[in-house]
């Protein structure tokens, strides 16, 4: 665990020294290191075995696509209704590098780590899907706190419903990943959620 936070801190210190702590380059580097590279080294298994563990094998792809698209349709319908009740309207956001980062990059690396490695490991240890999904969702929410603290938005976000929404999203992502047996399902749902966030709030 110490190594986990050291890997997080090294790129943060490096980019802070050049005044780029809030840049995409930092977040891309740190998320690749922590969410993909670190667990891959920690498991010390062959790549094919790790892909099976996290649900990223070819055999589960079709089922993952079906679950991901279905869950996304339901999620978008609920989000659309909720946004309408709050007087919010979806609008096409500019296709910036930050938008691409949030919609394409973040869902992949975060799902590989949380619903791939963490949830699968907890399920293998405990055997309870409910506890594995619940615990992973708590960790998923907690790591957003760490990111917010680096960005200087922690206290502001804690006084909103954002943490609760992230936790509920984590539960849904975990359920979809578990029932489909495929990481693709949660990646699709996560990407759709982030796309809605970008269109409603600019990804903030």
N, C-alpha and C. Protein backbone atom coordinates (compact mmCIF):
# COMPACT_ATOMS: atom_id res chain seq x y z
N UNK A 1 0.83 -1.21 0.00
CA UNK A 1 0.00 0.00 0.00
C UNK A 1 0.86 1.26 0.00
N UNK A 2 2.00 1.19 0.72
CA UNK A 2 2.91 2.34 0.73
C UNK A 2 3.40 2.62 -0.69
N UNK A 3 3.75 1.54 -1.39
CA UNK A 3 4.20 1.71 -2.76
C UNK A 3 3.14 2.33 -3.64
N UNK A 4 1.89 1.99 -3.37
CA UNK A 4 0.76 2.54 -4.13
C UNK A 4 0.75 4.06 -4.06
N UNK A 5 0.87 4.61 -2.85
CA UNK A 5 0.83 6.06 -2.68
C UNK A 5 2.12 6.73 -3.11
N UNK A 6 3.24 6.00 -3.03
CA UNK A 6 4.50 6.55 -3.53
C UNK A 6 4.41 6.77 -5.03
N UNK A 7 3.83 5.78 -5.74
CA UNK A 7 3.67 5.89 -7.18
C UNK A 7 2.76 7.06 -7.53
N UNK A 8 1.75 7.31 -6.68
CA UNK A 8 0.87 8.48 -6.90
C UNK A 8 1.66 9.77 -6.68
N UNK A 9 2.47 9.80 -5.62
CA UNK A 9 3.13 11.04 -5.21
C UNK A 9 4.26 11.46 -6.14
N UNK A 10 4.99 10.50 -6.70
CA UNK A 10 6.15 10.84 -7.53
C UNK A 10 5.78 11.73 -8.71
N UNK A 11 4.78 11.35 -9.54
CA UNK A 11 4.45 12.25 -10.65
C UNK A 11 3.85 13.56 -10.18
N UNK A 12 3.15 13.55 -9.01
CA UNK A 12 2.58 14.79 -8.49
C UNK A 12 3.68 15.77 -8.12
N UNK A 13 4.72 15.28 -7.43
CA UNK A 13 5.83 16.14 -7.04
C UNK A 13 6.56 16.64 -8.29
N UNK A 14 6.69 15.74 -9.28
CA UNK A 14 7.42 16.11 -10.49
C UNK A 14 6.71 17.22 -11.25
N UNK A 15 5.39 17.07 -11.43
CA UNK A 15 4.69 18.10 -12.21
C UNK A 15 4.48 19.37 -11.40
N UNK A 16 4.39 19.24 -10.07
CA UNK A 16 4.25 20.43 -9.24
C UNK A 16 5.50 21.31 -9.37
N UNK A 17 6.64 20.67 -9.48
CA UNK A 17 7.91 21.42 -9.57
C UNK A 17 7.98 22.25 -10.84
N UNK A 18 7.18 21.85 -11.86
CA UNK A 18 7.18 22.65 -13.10
C UNK A 18 5.85 23.39 -13.27
N UNK A 19 5.05 23.40 -12.19
CA UNK A 19 3.81 24.17 -12.20
C UNK A 19 2.71 23.59 -13.05
N UNK A 20 2.63 22.24 -13.16
CA UNK A 20 1.63 21.63 -14.04
C UNK A 20 0.76 20.62 -13.31
N UNK A 21 0.52 20.82 -11.98
CA UNK A 21 -0.21 19.83 -11.19
C UNK A 21 -1.64 19.65 -11.66
N UNK A 22 -2.21 20.66 -12.29
CA UNK A 22 -3.58 20.52 -12.74
C UNK A 22 -3.70 20.11 -14.18
N UNK A 23 -2.59 19.79 -14.82
CA UNK A 23 -2.61 19.52 -16.26
C UNK A 23 -3.05 18.09 -16.55
N UNK A 24 -3.53 17.88 -17.76
CA UNK A 24 -3.93 16.55 -18.19
C UNK A 24 -2.75 15.59 -18.20
N UNK A 25 -1.56 16.10 -18.49
CA UNK A 25 -0.39 15.23 -18.55
C UNK A 25 -0.15 14.56 -17.20
N UNK A 26 -0.35 15.30 -16.12
CA UNK A 26 -0.19 14.70 -14.79
C UNK A 26 -1.20 13.60 -14.57
N UNK A 27 -2.48 13.90 -14.82
CA UNK A 27 -3.53 12.94 -14.51
C UNK A 27 -3.46 11.71 -15.41
N UNK A 28 -3.07 11.87 -16.65
CA UNK A 28 -2.90 10.72 -17.53
C UNK A 28 -1.77 9.83 -17.02
N UNK A 29 -0.66 10.45 -16.66
CA UNK A 29 0.49 9.69 -16.18
C UNK A 29 0.18 8.97 -14.88
N UNK A 30 -0.42 9.67 -13.93
CA UNK A 30 -0.64 9.08 -12.62
C UNK A 30 -1.70 7.98 -12.67
N UNK A 31 -2.72 8.16 -13.49
CA UNK A 31 -3.75 7.12 -13.57
C UNK A 31 -3.25 5.89 -14.31
N UNK A 32 -2.41 6.06 -15.30
CA UNK A 32 -1.81 4.90 -15.95
C UNK A 32 -0.92 4.14 -14.97
N UNK A 33 -0.14 4.88 -14.19
CA UNK A 33 0.75 4.25 -13.22
C UNK A 33 -0.03 3.49 -12.14
N UNK A 34 -1.01 4.15 -11.55
CA UNK A 34 -1.70 3.58 -10.40
C UNK A 34 -2.75 2.56 -10.79
N UNK A 35 -3.55 2.87 -11.77
CA UNK A 35 -4.71 2.04 -12.08
C UNK A 35 -4.39 0.89 -13.03
N UNK A 36 -3.29 0.95 -13.76
CA UNK A 36 -2.96 -0.11 -14.71
C UNK A 36 -1.61 -0.75 -14.41
N UNK A 37 -0.56 0.08 -14.39
CA UNK A 37 0.79 -0.47 -14.25
C UNK A 37 1.03 -1.10 -12.88
N UNK A 38 0.62 -0.43 -11.82
CA UNK A 38 0.88 -0.94 -10.47
C UNK A 38 0.18 -2.28 -10.21
N UNK A 39 -1.13 -2.41 -10.45
CA UNK A 39 -1.75 -3.72 -10.20
C UNK A 39 -1.23 -4.82 -11.12
N UNK A 40 -0.88 -4.45 -12.36
CA UNK A 40 -0.33 -5.44 -13.28
C UNK A 40 0.97 -6.02 -12.72
N UNK A 41 1.83 -5.19 -12.18
CA UNK A 41 3.07 -5.67 -11.57
C UNK A 41 2.81 -6.42 -10.28
N UNK A 42 1.84 -5.95 -9.49
CA UNK A 42 1.56 -6.55 -8.19
C UNK A 42 1.07 -7.99 -8.34
N UNK A 43 0.23 -8.23 -9.35
CA UNK A 43 -0.35 -9.58 -9.51
C UNK A 43 0.68 -10.61 -9.93
N UNK A 44 1.63 -10.22 -10.74
CA UNK A 44 2.72 -11.08 -11.17
C UNK A 44 2.21 -12.36 -11.84
N UNK A 45 1.16 -12.23 -12.57
CA UNK A 45 0.64 -13.34 -13.37
C UNK A 45 0.78 -12.99 -14.85
N UNK A 46 0.65 -14.00 -15.67
CA UNK A 46 0.72 -13.75 -17.11
C UNK A 46 -0.42 -12.82 -17.53
N UNK A 47 -0.18 -12.08 -18.60
CA UNK A 47 -1.17 -11.10 -19.04
C UNK A 47 -2.51 -11.76 -19.34
N UNK A 48 -2.51 -12.91 -19.97
CA UNK A 48 -3.76 -13.59 -20.32
C UNK A 48 -4.56 -13.93 -19.06
N UNK A 49 -3.88 -14.37 -18.01
CA UNK A 49 -4.56 -14.71 -16.76
C UNK A 49 -5.13 -13.46 -16.09
N UNK A 50 -4.39 -12.35 -16.17
CA UNK A 50 -4.89 -11.12 -15.58
C UNK A 50 -6.11 -10.60 -16.35
N UNK A 51 -6.09 -10.73 -17.66
CA UNK A 51 -7.24 -10.30 -18.46
C UNK A 51 -8.48 -11.12 -18.11
N UNK A 52 -8.30 -12.42 -17.86
CA UNK A 52 -9.42 -13.25 -17.42
C UNK A 52 -9.92 -12.80 -16.06
N UNK A 53 -9.00 -12.49 -15.16
CA UNK A 53 -9.37 -12.05 -13.81
C UNK A 53 -10.23 -10.80 -13.84
N UNK A 54 -9.85 -9.82 -14.65
CA UNK A 54 -10.56 -8.54 -14.63
C UNK A 54 -11.74 -8.50 -15.59
N UNK A 55 -11.98 -9.60 -16.31
CA UNK A 55 -13.13 -9.64 -17.20
C UNK A 55 -12.89 -8.94 -18.52
N UNK A 56 -11.65 -8.95 -18.98
CA UNK A 56 -11.32 -8.26 -20.23
C UNK A 56 -10.94 -9.25 -21.33
N UNK A 57 -11.51 -10.45 -21.28
CA UNK A 57 -11.21 -11.44 -22.30
C UNK A 57 -12.21 -11.36 -23.46
N UNK A 58 -11.82 -11.92 -24.57
CA UNK A 58 -12.64 -11.87 -25.78
C UNK A 58 -13.97 -12.62 -25.60
N UNK A 59 -13.94 -13.71 -24.84
CA UNK A 59 -15.13 -14.54 -24.70
C UNK A 59 -16.29 -13.82 -24.03
N UNK A 60 -16.00 -12.81 -23.21
CA UNK A 60 -17.06 -12.09 -22.50
C UNK A 60 -17.45 -10.79 -23.19
N UNK A 61 -16.82 -10.49 -24.33
CA UNK A 61 -17.02 -9.20 -24.98
C UNK A 61 -18.47 -8.98 -25.43
N UNK A 62 -19.06 -9.99 -26.08
CA UNK A 62 -20.42 -9.84 -26.59
C UNK A 62 -21.40 -9.60 -25.45
N UNK A 63 -21.29 -10.37 -24.40
CA UNK A 63 -22.18 -10.20 -23.25
C UNK A 63 -21.96 -8.83 -22.60
N UNK A 64 -20.70 -8.40 -22.55
CA UNK A 64 -20.40 -7.10 -21.97
C UNK A 64 -21.00 -5.96 -22.76
N UNK A 65 -20.92 -6.06 -24.09
CA UNK A 65 -21.52 -5.04 -24.94
C UNK A 65 -23.03 -4.96 -24.73
N UNK A 66 -23.68 -6.12 -24.66
CA UNK A 66 -25.13 -6.15 -24.46
C UNK A 66 -25.52 -5.52 -23.13
N UNK A 67 -24.85 -5.93 -22.05
CA UNK A 67 -25.14 -5.39 -20.73
C UNK A 67 -24.80 -3.90 -20.67
N UNK A 68 -23.68 -3.53 -21.25
CA UNK A 68 -23.25 -2.13 -21.20
C UNK A 68 -24.22 -1.22 -21.93
N UNK A 69 -24.65 -1.60 -23.10
CA UNK A 69 -25.57 -0.78 -23.89
C UNK A 69 -26.93 -0.70 -23.21
N UNK A 70 -27.41 -1.83 -22.68
CA UNK A 70 -28.71 -1.84 -22.00
C UNK A 70 -28.69 -0.97 -20.74
N UNK A 71 -27.66 -1.17 -19.92
CA UNK A 71 -27.54 -0.39 -18.68
C UNK A 71 -27.37 1.09 -18.98
N UNK A 72 -26.64 1.40 -20.05
CA UNK A 72 -26.43 2.80 -20.43
C UNK A 72 -27.75 3.44 -20.86
N UNK A 73 -28.57 2.71 -21.61
CA UNK A 73 -29.87 3.23 -22.02
C UNK A 73 -30.74 3.59 -20.83
N UNK A 74 -30.78 2.69 -19.85
CA UNK A 74 -31.57 2.94 -18.64
C UNK A 74 -31.00 4.12 -17.86
N UNK A 75 -29.68 4.13 -17.70
CA UNK A 75 -29.01 5.19 -16.94
C UNK A 75 -29.21 6.56 -17.58
N UNK A 76 -29.10 6.62 -18.91
CA UNK A 76 -29.28 7.88 -19.60
C UNK A 76 -30.72 8.37 -19.51
N UNK A 77 -31.67 7.45 -19.54
CA UNK A 77 -33.08 7.82 -19.40
C UNK A 77 -33.34 8.43 -18.03
N UNK A 78 -32.81 7.78 -16.99
CA UNK A 78 -32.98 8.30 -15.63
C UNK A 78 -32.28 9.64 -15.46
N UNK A 79 -31.06 9.76 -16.02
CA UNK A 79 -30.33 11.03 -15.91
C UNK A 79 -31.04 12.14 -16.67
N UNK A 80 -31.60 11.80 -17.83
CA UNK A 80 -32.32 12.81 -18.60
C UNK A 80 -33.54 13.32 -17.87
N UNK A 81 -34.28 12.39 -17.24
CA UNK A 81 -35.46 12.78 -16.47
C UNK A 81 -35.07 13.63 -15.27
N UNK A 82 -33.99 13.23 -14.59
CA UNK A 82 -33.53 13.99 -13.43
C UNK A 82 -33.07 15.38 -13.82
N UNK A 83 -32.33 15.47 -14.93
CA UNK A 83 -31.84 16.78 -15.40
C UNK A 83 -33.01 17.68 -15.77
N UNK A 84 -34.04 17.11 -16.42
CA UNK A 84 -35.20 17.91 -16.81
C UNK A 84 -35.93 18.46 -15.59
N UNK A 85 -36.03 17.64 -14.54
CA UNK A 85 -36.69 18.10 -13.31
C UNK A 85 -35.92 19.24 -12.65
N UNK A 86 -34.60 19.25 -12.83
CA UNK A 86 -33.76 20.30 -12.24
C UNK A 86 -33.58 21.48 -13.18
N UNK A 87 -34.21 21.40 -14.34
CA UNK A 87 -34.10 22.50 -15.30
C UNK A 87 -32.80 22.53 -16.07
N UNK A 88 -32.09 21.39 -16.10
CA UNK A 88 -30.83 21.31 -16.83
C UNK A 88 -31.08 20.72 -18.21
N UNK A 89 -30.27 21.09 -19.16
CA UNK A 89 -30.44 20.61 -20.53
C UNK A 89 -29.10 20.12 -21.08
N UNK A 90 -29.14 18.95 -21.71
CA UNK A 90 -27.94 18.43 -22.36
C UNK A 90 -27.62 19.27 -23.59
N UNK A 91 -26.37 19.57 -23.77
CA UNK A 91 -25.94 20.29 -24.96
C UNK A 91 -24.57 19.78 -25.39
N UNK A 92 -24.34 19.78 -26.68
CA UNK A 92 -23.07 19.29 -27.20
C UNK A 92 -21.93 20.15 -26.69
N UNK A 93 -20.98 19.51 -26.04
CA UNK A 93 -19.82 20.23 -25.52
C UNK A 93 -18.71 20.23 -26.57
N UNK A 94 -17.86 21.22 -26.55
CA UNK A 94 -16.72 21.24 -27.48
C UNK A 94 -15.86 20.00 -27.29
N UNK A 95 -15.40 19.43 -28.37
CA UNK A 95 -14.60 18.21 -28.31
C UNK A 95 -13.15 18.57 -27.99
N UNK A 96 -12.91 18.92 -26.73
CA UNK A 96 -11.58 19.32 -26.28
C UNK A 96 -10.80 18.09 -25.82
N UNK A 97 -9.52 18.28 -25.57
CA UNK A 97 -8.70 17.19 -25.04
C UNK A 97 -9.21 16.74 -23.68
N UNK A 98 -9.67 17.71 -22.87
CA UNK A 98 -10.20 17.34 -21.55
C UNK A 98 -11.46 16.50 -21.68
N UNK A 99 -12.32 16.85 -22.63
CA UNK A 99 -13.54 16.07 -22.83
C UNK A 99 -13.20 14.64 -23.26
N UNK A 100 -12.26 14.50 -24.17
CA UNK A 100 -11.84 13.16 -24.60
C UNK A 100 -11.21 12.38 -23.45
N UNK A 101 -10.43 13.06 -22.64
CA UNK A 101 -9.82 12.44 -21.46
C UNK A 101 -10.88 11.89 -20.52
N UNK A 102 -11.92 12.69 -20.25
CA UNK A 102 -12.96 12.29 -19.31
C UNK A 102 -13.85 11.18 -19.86
N UNK A 103 -14.12 11.22 -21.16
CA UNK A 103 -15.07 10.28 -21.74
C UNK A 103 -14.42 8.98 -22.19
N UNK A 104 -13.18 9.04 -22.67
CA UNK A 104 -12.54 7.86 -23.23
C UNK A 104 -11.45 7.26 -22.33
N UNK A 105 -10.59 8.10 -21.78
CA UNK A 105 -9.45 7.59 -21.02
C UNK A 105 -9.84 7.19 -19.60
N UNK A 106 -10.49 8.10 -18.88
CA UNK A 106 -10.81 7.86 -17.47
C UNK A 106 -11.64 6.59 -17.26
N UNK A 107 -12.72 6.37 -18.00
CA UNK A 107 -13.50 5.16 -17.76
C UNK A 107 -12.70 3.87 -17.91
N UNK A 108 -11.81 3.83 -18.88
CA UNK A 108 -11.04 2.60 -19.12
C UNK A 108 -10.11 2.31 -17.94
N UNK A 109 -9.27 3.28 -17.57
CA UNK A 109 -8.27 3.01 -16.53
C UNK A 109 -8.92 2.82 -15.16
N UNK A 110 -9.97 3.59 -14.86
CA UNK A 110 -10.62 3.43 -13.56
C UNK A 110 -11.37 2.10 -13.47
N UNK A 111 -11.98 1.66 -14.55
CA UNK A 111 -12.68 0.38 -14.53
C UNK A 111 -11.70 -0.78 -14.47
N UNK A 112 -10.57 -0.68 -15.14
CA UNK A 112 -9.55 -1.72 -15.04
C UNK A 112 -9.16 -1.92 -13.59
N UNK A 113 -8.95 -0.82 -12.89
CA UNK A 113 -8.50 -0.94 -11.50
C UNK A 113 -9.63 -1.33 -10.55
N UNK A 114 -10.72 -0.56 -10.52
CA UNK A 114 -11.74 -0.77 -9.49
C UNK A 114 -12.62 -1.98 -9.76
N UNK A 115 -13.29 -2.03 -10.90
CA UNK A 115 -14.16 -3.16 -11.18
C UNK A 115 -13.38 -4.35 -11.72
N UNK A 116 -12.15 -4.10 -12.24
CA UNK A 116 -11.33 -5.19 -12.72
C UNK A 116 -10.56 -5.86 -11.59
N UNK A 117 -9.53 -5.18 -11.11
CA UNK A 117 -8.67 -5.79 -10.10
C UNK A 117 -9.28 -5.81 -8.71
N UNK A 118 -9.73 -4.66 -8.21
CA UNK A 118 -10.17 -4.58 -6.81
C UNK A 118 -11.41 -5.43 -6.57
N UNK A 119 -12.45 -5.22 -7.35
CA UNK A 119 -13.69 -5.97 -7.11
C UNK A 119 -13.48 -7.47 -7.31
N UNK A 120 -12.72 -7.85 -8.32
CA UNK A 120 -12.46 -9.27 -8.57
C UNK A 120 -11.67 -9.89 -7.41
N UNK A 121 -10.70 -9.15 -6.90
CA UNK A 121 -9.90 -9.66 -5.78
C UNK A 121 -10.75 -9.81 -4.52
N UNK A 122 -11.58 -8.81 -4.23
CA UNK A 122 -12.44 -8.89 -3.05
C UNK A 122 -13.45 -10.03 -3.16
N UNK A 123 -13.97 -10.23 -4.35
CA UNK A 123 -14.91 -11.33 -4.57
C UNK A 123 -14.22 -12.67 -4.37
N UNK A 124 -12.98 -12.77 -4.83
CA UNK A 124 -12.23 -14.01 -4.66
C UNK A 124 -11.88 -14.29 -3.21
N UNK A 125 -11.64 -13.24 -2.43
CA UNK A 125 -11.28 -13.41 -1.02
C UNK A 125 -12.50 -13.74 -0.17
N UNK A 126 -13.58 -12.98 -0.38
CA UNK A 126 -14.74 -13.07 0.50
C UNK A 126 -15.86 -13.96 -0.06
N UNK A 127 -16.02 -13.96 -1.35
CA UNK A 127 -17.07 -14.76 -1.98
C UNK A 127 -18.42 -14.08 -2.04
N UNK A 128 -18.55 -12.90 -1.42
CA UNK A 128 -19.80 -12.18 -1.41
C UNK A 128 -19.77 -11.07 -2.46
N UNK A 129 -20.63 -11.19 -3.47
CA UNK A 129 -20.67 -10.15 -4.52
C UNK A 129 -21.12 -8.82 -3.94
N UNK A 130 -22.09 -8.86 -3.02
CA UNK A 130 -22.60 -7.62 -2.43
C UNK A 130 -21.49 -6.87 -1.71
N UNK A 131 -20.74 -7.57 -0.85
CA UNK A 131 -19.68 -6.90 -0.09
C UNK A 131 -18.55 -6.43 -1.01
N UNK A 132 -18.24 -7.20 -2.04
CA UNK A 132 -17.19 -6.80 -2.97
C UNK A 132 -17.59 -5.53 -3.73
N UNK A 133 -18.83 -5.48 -4.20
CA UNK A 133 -19.31 -4.30 -4.93
C UNK A 133 -19.40 -3.09 -4.01
N UNK A 134 -19.93 -3.29 -2.80
CA UNK A 134 -20.09 -2.20 -1.84
C UNK A 134 -18.73 -1.62 -1.45
N UNK A 135 -17.79 -2.48 -1.10
CA UNK A 135 -16.46 -2.03 -0.68
C UNK A 135 -15.73 -1.33 -1.82
N UNK A 136 -15.83 -1.88 -3.02
CA UNK A 136 -15.19 -1.25 -4.18
C UNK A 136 -15.78 0.12 -4.44
N UNK A 137 -17.08 0.26 -4.26
CA UNK A 137 -17.73 1.57 -4.47
C UNK A 137 -17.26 2.59 -3.45
N UNK A 138 -17.05 2.15 -2.21
CA UNK A 138 -16.51 3.05 -1.19
C UNK A 138 -15.10 3.51 -1.57
N UNK A 139 -14.27 2.58 -2.02
CA UNK A 139 -12.91 2.93 -2.43
C UNK A 139 -12.92 3.84 -3.65
N UNK A 140 -13.82 3.57 -4.58
CA UNK A 140 -13.98 4.39 -5.78
C UNK A 140 -14.30 5.83 -5.40
N UNK A 141 -15.19 5.99 -4.43
CA UNK A 141 -15.57 7.32 -3.97
C UNK A 141 -14.40 7.98 -3.23
N UNK A 142 -13.72 7.21 -2.38
CA UNK A 142 -12.61 7.76 -1.60
C UNK A 142 -11.48 8.26 -2.49
N UNK A 143 -11.21 7.57 -3.59
CA UNK A 143 -10.12 8.01 -4.47
C UNK A 143 -10.48 9.28 -5.22
N UNK A 144 -11.76 9.55 -5.39
CA UNK A 144 -12.15 10.85 -5.93
C UNK A 144 -11.82 11.95 -4.93
N UNK A 145 -11.94 11.65 -3.63
CA UNK A 145 -11.57 12.63 -2.61
C UNK A 145 -10.10 13.02 -2.74
N UNK A 146 -9.26 12.02 -2.99
CA UNK A 146 -7.82 12.29 -3.14
C UNK A 146 -7.58 13.20 -4.35
N UNK A 147 -8.23 12.90 -5.45
CA UNK A 147 -8.08 13.73 -6.64
C UNK A 147 -8.56 15.15 -6.40
N UNK A 148 -9.70 15.28 -5.72
CA UNK A 148 -10.24 16.62 -5.43
C UNK A 148 -9.30 17.41 -4.53
N UNK A 149 -8.64 16.71 -3.58
CA UNK A 149 -7.72 17.42 -2.69
C UNK A 149 -6.55 17.99 -3.47
N UNK A 150 -6.06 17.27 -4.47
CA UNK A 150 -4.99 17.77 -5.32
C UNK A 150 -5.46 18.96 -6.15
N UNK A 151 -6.73 18.93 -6.55
CA UNK A 151 -7.27 19.99 -7.41
C UNK A 151 -7.79 21.19 -6.61
N UNK A 152 -7.81 21.07 -5.28
CA UNK A 152 -8.30 22.15 -4.44
C UNK A 152 -9.80 22.28 -4.39
N UNK A 153 -10.53 21.22 -4.76
CA UNK A 153 -12.00 21.28 -4.78
C UNK A 153 -12.65 20.32 -3.79
N UNK A 154 -11.87 19.77 -2.87
CA UNK A 154 -12.39 18.75 -1.96
C UNK A 154 -13.53 19.29 -1.10
N UNK A 155 -13.32 20.37 -0.37
CA UNK A 155 -14.33 20.88 0.55
C UNK A 155 -15.58 21.34 -0.19
N UNK A 156 -15.39 21.94 -1.36
CA UNK A 156 -16.54 22.38 -2.15
C UNK A 156 -17.40 21.20 -2.58
N UNK A 157 -16.76 20.13 -3.05
CA UNK A 157 -17.51 18.97 -3.53
C UNK A 157 -18.15 18.18 -2.40
N UNK A 158 -17.52 18.20 -1.22
CA UNK A 158 -18.09 17.48 -0.08
C UNK A 158 -19.41 18.09 0.39
N UNK A 159 -19.66 19.32 0.07
CA UNK A 159 -20.89 20.00 0.46
C UNK A 159 -21.96 19.91 -0.62
N UNK A 160 -21.77 18.99 -1.55
CA UNK A 160 -22.76 18.76 -2.61
C UNK A 160 -23.18 17.29 -2.56
N UNK A 161 -24.01 16.89 -3.50
CA UNK A 161 -24.44 15.49 -3.59
C UNK A 161 -23.50 14.66 -4.46
N UNK A 162 -22.39 15.24 -4.89
CA UNK A 162 -21.48 14.54 -5.79
C UNK A 162 -20.94 13.25 -5.18
N UNK A 163 -20.47 13.24 -3.90
CA UNK A 163 -19.96 11.98 -3.34
C UNK A 163 -21.01 10.87 -3.34
N UNK A 164 -22.25 11.19 -2.97
CA UNK A 164 -23.31 10.19 -2.96
C UNK A 164 -23.57 9.67 -4.36
N UNK A 165 -23.57 10.58 -5.34
CA UNK A 165 -23.80 10.17 -6.72
C UNK A 165 -22.70 9.25 -7.23
N UNK A 166 -21.46 9.55 -6.86
CA UNK A 166 -20.34 8.71 -7.28
C UNK A 166 -20.45 7.33 -6.65
N UNK A 167 -20.84 7.29 -5.37
CA UNK A 167 -20.99 6.00 -4.70
C UNK A 167 -22.09 5.16 -5.35
N UNK A 168 -23.23 5.78 -5.66
CA UNK A 168 -24.33 5.06 -6.31
C UNK A 168 -23.92 4.59 -7.70
N UNK A 169 -23.19 5.44 -8.42
CA UNK A 169 -22.69 5.03 -9.73
C UNK A 169 -21.75 3.84 -9.58
N UNK A 170 -20.90 3.87 -8.55
CA UNK A 170 -19.99 2.77 -8.30
C UNK A 170 -20.73 1.46 -8.06
N UNK A 171 -21.84 1.52 -7.31
CA UNK A 171 -22.65 0.32 -7.08
C UNK A 171 -23.20 -0.22 -8.39
N UNK A 172 -23.70 0.67 -9.23
CA UNK A 172 -24.27 0.24 -10.51
C UNK A 172 -23.18 -0.33 -11.42
N UNK A 173 -22.03 0.32 -11.46
CA UNK A 173 -20.92 -0.18 -12.27
C UNK A 173 -20.48 -1.57 -11.79
N UNK A 174 -20.43 -1.73 -10.48
CA UNK A 174 -20.03 -3.02 -9.92
C UNK A 174 -21.04 -4.11 -10.22
N UNK A 175 -22.33 -3.78 -10.14
CA UNK A 175 -23.39 -4.74 -10.43
C UNK A 175 -23.33 -5.18 -11.89
N UNK A 176 -23.20 -4.21 -12.79
CA UNK A 176 -23.16 -4.51 -14.22
C UNK A 176 -21.93 -5.36 -14.55
N UNK A 177 -20.79 -5.00 -13.97
CA UNK A 177 -19.57 -5.78 -14.19
C UNK A 177 -19.75 -7.21 -13.69
N UNK A 178 -20.35 -7.38 -12.53
CA UNK A 178 -20.50 -8.71 -11.94
C UNK A 178 -21.48 -9.57 -12.73
N UNK A 179 -22.63 -9.02 -13.05
CA UNK A 179 -23.66 -9.80 -13.73
C UNK A 179 -23.29 -10.12 -15.17
N UNK A 180 -22.57 -9.23 -15.82
CA UNK A 180 -22.19 -9.47 -17.21
C UNK A 180 -20.95 -10.34 -17.32
N UNK A 181 -20.11 -10.30 -16.26
CA UNK A 181 -18.85 -11.02 -16.32
C UNK A 181 -17.83 -10.34 -17.21
N UNK A 182 -18.13 -9.11 -17.62
CA UNK A 182 -17.27 -8.41 -18.57
C UNK A 182 -16.98 -6.99 -18.11
N UNK A 183 -15.72 -6.61 -18.21
CA UNK A 183 -15.33 -5.25 -17.88
C UNK A 183 -15.86 -4.26 -18.91
N UNK A 184 -16.11 -4.72 -20.11
CA UNK A 184 -16.61 -3.84 -21.17
C UNK A 184 -17.93 -3.19 -20.77
N UNK A 185 -18.77 -3.94 -20.05
CA UNK A 185 -20.08 -3.41 -19.65
C UNK A 185 -19.94 -2.18 -18.77
N UNK A 186 -19.08 -2.25 -17.77
CA UNK A 186 -18.92 -1.10 -16.87
C UNK A 186 -18.15 0.03 -17.54
N UNK A 187 -17.26 -0.28 -18.46
CA UNK A 187 -16.55 0.78 -19.19
C UNK A 187 -17.53 1.59 -20.03
N UNK A 188 -18.44 0.91 -20.74
CA UNK A 188 -19.42 1.61 -21.57
C UNK A 188 -20.30 2.51 -20.71
N UNK A 189 -20.80 1.97 -19.59
CA UNK A 189 -21.66 2.74 -18.70
C UNK A 189 -20.92 3.93 -18.10
N UNK A 190 -19.69 3.72 -17.70
CA UNK A 190 -18.87 4.78 -17.11
C UNK A 190 -18.62 5.88 -18.14
N UNK A 191 -18.32 5.49 -19.37
CA UNK A 191 -18.07 6.48 -20.42
C UNK A 191 -19.32 7.30 -20.71
N UNK A 192 -20.48 6.64 -20.73
CA UNK A 192 -21.74 7.35 -20.98
C UNK A 192 -22.04 8.34 -19.86
N UNK A 193 -21.79 7.91 -18.62
CA UNK A 193 -22.02 8.80 -17.48
C UNK A 193 -21.13 10.04 -17.56
N UNK A 194 -19.86 9.83 -17.90
CA UNK A 194 -18.94 10.95 -18.01
C UNK A 194 -19.32 11.88 -19.16
N UNK A 195 -19.83 11.29 -20.24
CA UNK A 195 -20.26 12.12 -21.37
C UNK A 195 -21.41 13.03 -20.96
N UNK A 196 -22.35 12.48 -20.19
CA UNK A 196 -23.47 13.29 -19.70
C UNK A 196 -22.96 14.38 -18.78
N UNK A 197 -22.00 14.05 -17.92
CA UNK A 197 -21.43 15.04 -17.01
C UNK A 197 -20.77 16.17 -17.76
N UNK A 198 -20.04 15.83 -18.83
CA UNK A 198 -19.40 16.86 -19.66
C UNK A 198 -20.43 17.76 -20.31
N UNK A 199 -21.53 17.16 -20.81
CA UNK A 199 -22.54 17.93 -21.49
C UNK A 199 -23.36 18.81 -20.55
N UNK A 200 -23.53 18.34 -19.30
CA UNK A 200 -24.31 19.12 -18.34
C UNK A 200 -23.46 20.14 -17.58
N UNK A 201 -22.27 19.71 -17.17
CA UNK A 201 -21.48 20.54 -16.26
C UNK A 201 -20.08 20.86 -16.78
N UNK A 202 -19.78 20.46 -17.98
CA UNK A 202 -18.44 20.71 -18.51
C UNK A 202 -17.39 19.83 -17.90
N UNK A 203 -17.83 18.73 -17.23
CA UNK A 203 -16.88 17.81 -16.64
C UNK A 203 -16.35 18.24 -15.30
N UNK A 204 -16.92 19.28 -14.69
CA UNK A 204 -16.45 19.75 -13.38
C UNK A 204 -17.05 18.91 -12.26
